[in-house]
């Protein structure tokens, strides 16, 4: 969610919490809206955010 415009930029849904969901969502968001300097990505610190693929 872009907190300035209060719009959802990108999301993905799956049957399990896998790192590909996060990677696909961020990739799509970066393609739709080029991130500006100072971008902060907030996560719930779930296991998909600590995977090798995410890093």
PDB file of N, CA and C in Angstrom:
ATOM      1  N   UNK A   1       0.842  -1.175   0.000  1.00  0.00           N
ATOM      2  CA  UNK A   1       0.000   0.000   0.000  1.00  0.00           C
ATOM      3  C   UNK A   1       0.888   1.239   0.000  1.00  0.00           C
ATOM      4  N   UNK A   2       0.561   2.142  -0.869  1.00  0.00           N
ATOM      5  CA  UNK A   2       1.223   3.439  -0.889  1.00  0.00           C
ATOM      6  C   UNK A   2       0.533   4.289   0.182  1.00  0.00           C
ATOM      7  N   UNK A   3       1.237   4.595   1.248  1.00  0.00           N
ATOM      8  CA  UNK A   3       0.623   5.324   2.352  1.00  0.00           C
ATOM      9  C   UNK A   3       0.322   6.778   2.020  1.00  0.00           C
ATOM     10  N   UNK A   4       0.966   7.325   0.993  1.00  0.00           N
ATOM     11  CA  UNK A   4       0.670   8.697   0.593  1.00  0.00           C
ATOM     12  C   UNK A   4      -0.676   8.777  -0.118  1.00  0.00           C
ATOM     13  N   UNK A   5      -0.878   7.901  -1.110  1.00  0.00           N
ATOM     14  CA  UNK A   5      -2.126   7.925  -1.878  1.00  0.00           C
ATOM     15  C   UNK A   5      -3.186   6.978  -1.315  1.00  0.00           C
ATOM     16  N   UNK A   6      -2.817   6.173  -0.332  1.00  0.00           N
ATOM     17  CA  UNK A   6      -3.702   5.172   0.271  1.00  0.00           C
ATOM     18  C   UNK A   6      -4.257   4.232  -0.806  1.00  0.00           C
ATOM     19  N   UNK A   7      -3.376   3.781  -1.695  1.00  0.00           N
ATOM     20  CA  UNK A   7      -3.756   2.851  -2.762  1.00  0.00           C
ATOM     21  C   UNK A   7      -2.944   1.569  -2.640  1.00  0.00           C
ATOM     22  N   UNK A   8      -3.584   0.461  -2.961  1.00  0.00           N
ATOM     23  CA  UNK A   8      -2.878  -0.820  -3.042  1.00  0.00           C
ATOM     24  C   UNK A   8      -2.108  -0.818  -4.356  1.00  0.00           C
ATOM     25  N   UNK A   9      -0.817  -1.044  -4.301  1.00  0.00           N
ATOM     26  CA  UNK A   9       0.018  -1.054  -5.497  1.00  0.00           C
ATOM     27  C   UNK A   9       0.061  -2.448  -6.107  1.00  0.00           C
ATOM     28  N   UNK A  10       0.214  -3.469  -5.264  1.00  0.00           N
ATOM     29  CA  UNK A  10       0.312  -4.832  -5.758  1.00  0.00           C
ATOM     30  C   UNK A  10       0.033  -5.809  -4.624  1.00  0.00           C
ATOM     31  N   UNK A  11      -0.477  -6.986  -4.983  1.00  0.00           N
ATOM     32  CA  UNK A  11      -0.656  -8.058  -4.008  1.00  0.00           C
ATOM     33  C   UNK A  11      -0.680  -9.391  -4.734  1.00  0.00           C
ATOM     34  N   UNK A  12      -0.522 -10.466  -3.983  1.00  0.00           N
ATOM     35  CA  UNK A  12      -0.559 -11.808  -4.542  1.00  0.00           C
ATOM     36  C   UNK A  12      -1.213 -12.718  -3.506  1.00  0.00           C
ATOM     37  N   UNK A  13      -1.906 -13.726  -3.960  1.00  0.00           N
ATOM     38  CA  UNK A  13      -2.625 -14.641  -3.079  1.00  0.00           C
ATOM     39  C   UNK A  13      -2.204 -16.068  -3.407  1.00  0.00           C
ATOM     40  N   UNK A  14      -2.036 -16.875  -2.370  1.00  0.00           N
ATOM     41  CA  UNK A  14      -1.685 -18.267  -2.571  1.00  0.00           C
ATOM     42  C   UNK A  14      -2.238 -19.131  -1.455  1.00  0.00           C
ATOM     43  N   UNK A  15      -2.100 -20.443  -1.627  1.00  0.00           N
ATOM     44  CA  UNK A  15      -2.594 -21.385  -0.618  1.00  0.00           C
ATOM     45  C   UNK A  15      -1.666 -21.499   0.577  1.00  0.00           C
ATOM     46  N   UNK A  16      -0.411 -21.124   0.405  1.00  0.00           N
ATOM     47  CA  UNK A  16       0.548 -21.167   1.505  1.00  0.00           C
ATOM     48  C   UNK A  16       1.433 -19.928   1.444  1.00  0.00           C
ATOM     49  N   UNK A  17       2.060 -19.621   2.573  1.00  0.00           N
ATOM     50  CA  UNK A  17       2.913 -18.433   2.649  1.00  0.00           C
ATOM     51  C   UNK A  17       4.317 -18.791   2.162  1.00  0.00           C
ATOM     52  N   UNK A  18       4.561 -18.587   0.879  1.00  0.00           N
ATOM     53  CA  UNK A  18       5.857 -18.905   0.305  1.00  0.00           C
ATOM     54  C   UNK A  18       6.535 -17.615  -0.140  1.00  0.00           C
ATOM     55  N   UNK A  19       7.836 -17.664  -0.243  1.00  0.00           N
ATOM     56  CA  UNK A  19       8.603 -16.462  -0.586  1.00  0.00           C
ATOM     57  C   UNK A  19       8.268 -15.929  -1.976  1.00  0.00           C
ATOM     58  N   UNK A  20       7.832 -16.803  -2.890  1.00  0.00           N
ATOM     59  CA  UNK A  20       7.497 -16.328  -4.242  1.00  0.00           C
ATOM     60  C   UNK A  20       6.364 -15.300  -4.221  1.00  0.00           C
ATOM     61  N   UNK A  21       5.446 -15.415  -3.264  1.00  0.00           N
ATOM     62  CA  UNK A  21       4.365 -14.433  -3.163  1.00  0.00           C
ATOM     63  C   UNK A  21       4.921 -13.041  -2.887  1.00  0.00           C
ATOM     64  N   UNK A  22       5.863 -12.964  -1.971  1.00  0.00           N
ATOM     65  CA  UNK A  22       6.471 -11.676  -1.628  1.00  0.00           C
ATOM     66  C   UNK A  22       7.292 -11.150  -2.800  1.00  0.00           C
ATOM     67  N   UNK A  23       8.086 -12.012  -3.395  1.00  0.00           N
ATOM     68  CA  UNK A  23       8.943 -11.606  -4.511  1.00  0.00           C
ATOM     69  C   UNK A  23       8.099 -11.139  -5.696  1.00  0.00           C
ATOM     70  N   UNK A  24       7.058 -11.880  -6.043  1.00  0.00           N
ATOM     71  CA  UNK A  24       6.177 -11.487  -7.144  1.00  0.00           C
ATOM     72  C   UNK A  24       5.484 -10.156  -6.862  1.00  0.00           C
ATOM     73  N   UNK A  25       5.016  -9.981  -5.643  1.00  0.00           N
ATOM     74  CA  UNK A  25       4.324  -8.744  -5.272  1.00  0.00           C
ATOM     75  C   UNK A  25       5.255  -7.543  -5.377  1.00  0.00           C
ATOM     76  N   UNK A  26       6.459  -7.655  -4.838  1.00  0.00           N
ATOM     77  CA  UNK A  26       7.403  -6.535  -4.888  1.00  0.00           C
ATOM     78  C   UNK A  26       7.864  -6.257  -6.315  1.00  0.00           C
ATOM     79  N   UNK A  27       8.105  -7.310  -7.089  1.00  0.00           N
ATOM     80  CA  UNK A  27       8.518  -7.126  -8.488  1.00  0.00           C
ATOM     81  C   UNK A  27       7.445  -6.378  -9.261  1.00  0.00           C
ATOM     82  N   UNK A  28       6.207  -6.818  -9.117  1.00  0.00           N
ATOM     83  CA  UNK A  28       5.092  -6.167  -9.812  1.00  0.00           C
ATOM     84  C   UNK A  28       4.928  -4.714  -9.349  1.00  0.00           C
ATOM     85  N   UNK A  29       5.053  -4.480  -8.063  1.00  0.00           N
ATOM     86  CA  UNK A  29       4.926  -3.117  -7.531  1.00  0.00           C
ATOM     87  C   UNK A  29       6.021  -2.211  -8.080  1.00  0.00           C
ATOM     88  N   UNK A  30       7.249  -2.703  -8.150  1.00  0.00           N
ATOM     89  CA  UNK A  30       8.359  -1.897  -8.676  1.00  0.00           C
ATOM     90  C   UNK A  30       8.185  -1.601 -10.159  1.00  0.00           C
ATOM     91  N   UNK A  31       7.558  -2.512 -10.905  1.00  0.00           N
ATOM     92  CA  UNK A  31       7.306  -2.271 -12.326  1.00  0.00           C
ATOM     93  C   UNK A  31       6.177  -1.257 -12.534  1.00  0.00           C
ATOM     94  N   UNK A  32       5.188  -1.285 -11.645  1.00  0.00           N
ATOM     95  CA  UNK A  32       4.049  -0.378 -11.768  1.00  0.00           C
ATOM     96  C   UNK A  32       4.349   1.029 -11.270  1.00  0.00           C
ATOM     97  N   UNK A  33       5.153   1.106 -10.238  1.00  0.00           N
ATOM     98  CA  UNK A  33       5.450   2.408  -9.633  1.00  0.00           C
ATOM     99  C   UNK A  33       6.912   2.410  -9.203  1.00  0.00           C
ATOM    100  N   UNK A  34       7.735   3.164  -9.904  1.00  0.00           N
ATOM    101  CA  UNK A  34       9.163   3.189  -9.598  1.00  0.00           C
ATOM    102  C   UNK A  34       9.375   3.727  -8.183  1.00  0.00           C
ATOM    103  N   UNK A  35      10.075   2.967  -7.343  1.00  0.00           N
ATOM    104  CA  UNK A  35      10.271   3.409  -5.962  1.00  0.00           C
ATOM    105  C   UNK A  35      11.188   4.633  -5.877  1.00  0.00           C
ATOM    106  N   UNK A  36      10.851   5.500  -4.947  1.00  0.00           N
ATOM    107  CA  UNK A  36      11.672   6.685  -4.717  1.00  0.00           C
ATOM    108  C   UNK A  36      12.691   6.403  -3.624  1.00  0.00           C
ATOM    109  N   UNK A  37      13.698   7.243  -3.538  1.00  0.00           N
ATOM    110  CA  UNK A  37      14.705   7.108  -2.496  1.00  0.00           C
ATOM    111  C   UNK A  37      14.032   7.188  -1.134  1.00  0.00           C
ATOM    112  N   UNK A  38      14.449   6.326  -0.219  1.00  0.00           N
ATOM    113  CA  UNK A  38      13.884   6.312   1.123  1.00  0.00           C
ATOM    114  C   UNK A  38      12.724   5.344   1.287  1.00  0.00           C
ATOM    115  N   UNK A  39      12.480   4.516   0.266  1.00  0.00           N
ATOM    116  CA  UNK A  39      11.395   3.545   0.337  1.00  0.00           C
ATOM    117  C   UNK A  39      11.564   2.657   1.566  1.00  0.00           C
ATOM    118  N   UNK A  40      10.477   2.425   2.271  1.00  0.00           N
ATOM    119  CA  UNK A  40      10.469   1.518   3.420  1.00  0.00           C
ATOM    120  C   UNK A  40       9.493   0.394   3.117  1.00  0.00           C
ATOM    121  N   UNK A  41       9.966  -0.839   3.248  1.00  0.00           N
ATOM    122  CA  UNK A  41       9.102  -2.004   3.067  1.00  0.00           C
ATOM    123  C   UNK A  41       8.821  -2.570   4.448  1.00  0.00           C
ATOM    124  N   UNK A  42       7.558  -2.569   4.820  1.00  0.00           N
ATOM    125  CA  UNK A  42       7.154  -3.090   6.125  1.00  0.00           C
ATOM    126  C   UNK A  42       6.634  -4.509   5.950  1.00  0.00           C
ATOM    127  N   UNK A  43       7.087  -5.424   6.778  1.00  0.00           N
ATOM    128  CA  UNK A  43       6.609  -6.801   6.716  1.00  0.00           C
ATOM    129  C   UNK A  43       6.200  -7.250   8.113  1.00  0.00           C
ATOM    130  N   UNK A  44       5.493  -8.358   8.167  1.00  0.00           N
ATOM    131  CA  UNK A  44       5.105  -8.912   9.465  1.00  0.00           C
ATOM    132  C   UNK A  44       6.176  -9.862  10.016  1.00  0.00           C
ATOM    133  N   UNK A  45       7.324  -9.912   9.354  1.00  0.00           N
ATOM    134  CA  UNK A  45       8.460 -10.755   9.747  1.00  0.00           C
ATOM    135  C   UNK A  45       8.137 -12.251   9.697  1.00  0.00           C
ATOM    136  N   UNK A  46       7.221 -12.642   8.820  1.00  0.00           N
ATOM    137  CA  UNK A  46       6.889 -14.054   8.635  1.00  0.00           C
ATOM    138  C   UNK A  46       8.041 -14.802   8.002  1.00  0.00           C
ATOM    139  N   UNK A  47       7.946 -16.122   7.942  1.00  0.00           N
ATOM    140  CA  UNK A  47       9.056 -16.939   7.425  1.00  0.00           C
ATOM    141  C   UNK A  47       9.406 -16.645   5.968  1.00  0.00           C
ATOM    142  N   UNK A  48       8.449 -16.210   5.170  1.00  0.00           N
ATOM    143  CA  UNK A  48       8.738 -15.916   3.770  1.00  0.00           C
ATOM    144  C   UNK A  48       9.680 -14.721   3.627  1.00  0.00           C
ATOM    145  N   UNK A  49       9.720 -13.847   4.616  1.00  0.00           N
ATOM    146  CA  UNK A  49      10.605 -12.680   4.578  1.00  0.00           C
ATOM    147  C   UNK A  49      12.022 -12.998   5.037  1.00  0.00           C
ATOM    148  N   UNK A  50      12.224 -14.160   5.619  1.00  0.00           N
ATOM    149  CA  UNK A  50      13.576 -14.544   6.057  1.00  0.00           C
ATOM    150  C   UNK A  50      14.161 -15.631   5.172  1.00  0.00           C
ATOM    151  N   UNK A  51      13.534 -15.898   4.045  1.00  0.00           N
ATOM    152  CA  UNK A  51      14.024 -16.949   3.145  1.00  0.00           C
ATOM    153  C   UNK A  51      15.213 -16.459   2.326  1.00  0.00           C
ATOM    154  N   UNK A  52      15.994 -17.393   1.810  1.00  0.00           N
ATOM    155  CA  UNK A  52      17.130 -17.062   0.948  1.00  0.00           C
ATOM    156  C   UNK A  52      16.657 -16.354  -0.314  1.00  0.00           C
ATOM    157  N   UNK A  53      15.546 -16.806  -0.874  1.00  0.00           N
ATOM    158  CA  UNK A  53      15.022 -16.228  -2.116  1.00  0.00           C
ATOM    159  C   UNK A  53      14.672 -14.742  -1.927  1.00  0.00           C
ATOM    160  N   UNK A  54      14.116 -14.411  -0.783  1.00  0.00           N
ATOM    161  CA  UNK A  54      13.732 -13.016  -0.509  1.00  0.00           C
ATOM    162  C   UNK A  54      14.962 -12.124  -0.401  1.00  0.00           C
ATOM    163  N   UNK A  55      15.990 -12.628   0.311  1.00  0.00           N
ATOM    164  CA  UNK A  55      17.206 -11.823   0.454  1.00  0.00           C
ATOM    165  C   UNK A  55      17.871 -11.634  -0.872  1.00  0.00           C
TER     166      UNK A  55
END
